[in-house]
């Protein structure tokens, strides 16, 4: 799946879930419906930077980074 299509898919899935659905506080005004990218990443135990810029590698200049694990 191409990156732009993947981004569209992920945005559409986030829009279908509200913070209340997953036990998060609703917390103010939202520009788009559904979960914020950071909220979805937190629930999936990903870094929010991993979900942007080519899955994190491009954001880090191609360097490998250790991912945080709880």
Protein backbone atom coordinates (compact mmCIF):
# COMPACT_ATOMS: atom_id res chain seq x y z
CA UNK A 1 0.00 0.00 0.00
CA UNK A 2 1.42 3.39 -0.94
CA UNK A 3 2.17 5.82 1.90
CA UNK A 4 -0.53 8.39 0.86
CA UNK A 5 -3.16 5.63 0.72
CA UNK A 6 -2.01 4.31 4.08
CA UNK A 7 -2.31 7.80 5.58
CA UNK A 8 -5.87 8.14 4.24
CA UNK A 9 -6.74 4.73 5.68
CA UNK A 10 -5.31 5.54 9.13
CA UNK A 11 -7.09 8.93 9.23
CA UNK A 12 -10.41 7.31 8.34
CA UNK A 13 -9.99 4.69 11.10
CA UNK A 14 -9.03 7.32 13.72
CA UNK A 15 -12.12 9.34 12.77
CA UNK A 16 -14.38 6.40 13.66
CA UNK A 17 -13.18 6.14 17.29
CA UNK A 18 -13.86 8.78 19.93
CA UNK A 19 -11.70 9.32 23.00
CA UNK A 20 -14.66 8.21 25.13
CA UNK A 21 -14.76 4.89 23.23
CA UNK A 22 -11.27 4.02 24.49
CA UNK A 23 -11.45 5.57 27.97
CA UNK A 24 -9.55 8.79 27.26
CA UNK A 25 -10.69 12.24 28.40
CA UNK A 26 -12.34 14.18 25.59
CA UNK A 27 -10.31 17.30 26.36
CA UNK A 28 -11.51 20.31 24.45
CA UNK A 29 -12.02 21.34 20.85
CA UNK A 30 -10.95 19.05 18.03
CA UNK A 31 -10.41 20.17 14.46
CA UNK A 32 -11.25 16.73 13.09
CA UNK A 33 -13.44 13.95 14.50
CA UNK A 34 -12.00 10.99 16.33
CA UNK A 35 -8.69 10.29 17.95
CA UNK A 36 -5.66 12.49 17.54
CA UNK A 37 -2.61 10.84 15.95
CA UNK A 38 -0.78 10.91 19.29
CA UNK A 39 -3.71 9.24 21.08
CA UNK A 40 -3.91 6.43 18.52
CA UNK A 41 -0.14 5.94 18.73
CA UNK A 42 -0.25 5.80 22.53
CA UNK A 43 -3.01 3.16 22.48
CA UNK A 44 -1.03 1.10 19.95
CA UNK A 45 2.16 1.53 22.02
CA UNK A 46 3.93 3.34 19.20
CA UNK A 47 5.78 6.60 19.30
CA UNK A 48 3.77 9.32 17.55
CA UNK A 49 6.88 10.08 15.48
CA UNK A 50 6.82 6.48 14.25
CA UNK A 51 3.45 7.11 12.64
CA UNK A 52 4.69 10.13 10.65
CA UNK A 53 7.36 10.84 8.08
CA UNK A 54 7.77 7.42 6.53
CA UNK A 55 7.35 5.37 9.67
CA UNK A 56 9.97 7.13 11.72
CA UNK A 57 13.07 6.16 9.78
CA UNK A 58 12.80 9.20 7.51
CA UNK A 59 12.20 11.42 10.55
CA UNK A 60 15.42 10.18 12.11
CA UNK A 61 17.44 10.64 8.94
CA UNK A 62 17.46 6.90 8.30
CA UNK A 63 19.15 6.10 11.63
CA UNK A 64 17.80 3.32 13.76
CA UNK A 65 16.31 4.47 17.03
CA UNK A 66 15.42 2.38 20.02
CA UNK A 67 11.69 2.37 20.54
CA UNK A 68 10.31 3.05 23.96
CA UNK A 69 8.55 0.15 25.69
CA UNK A 70 6.59 0.41 28.94
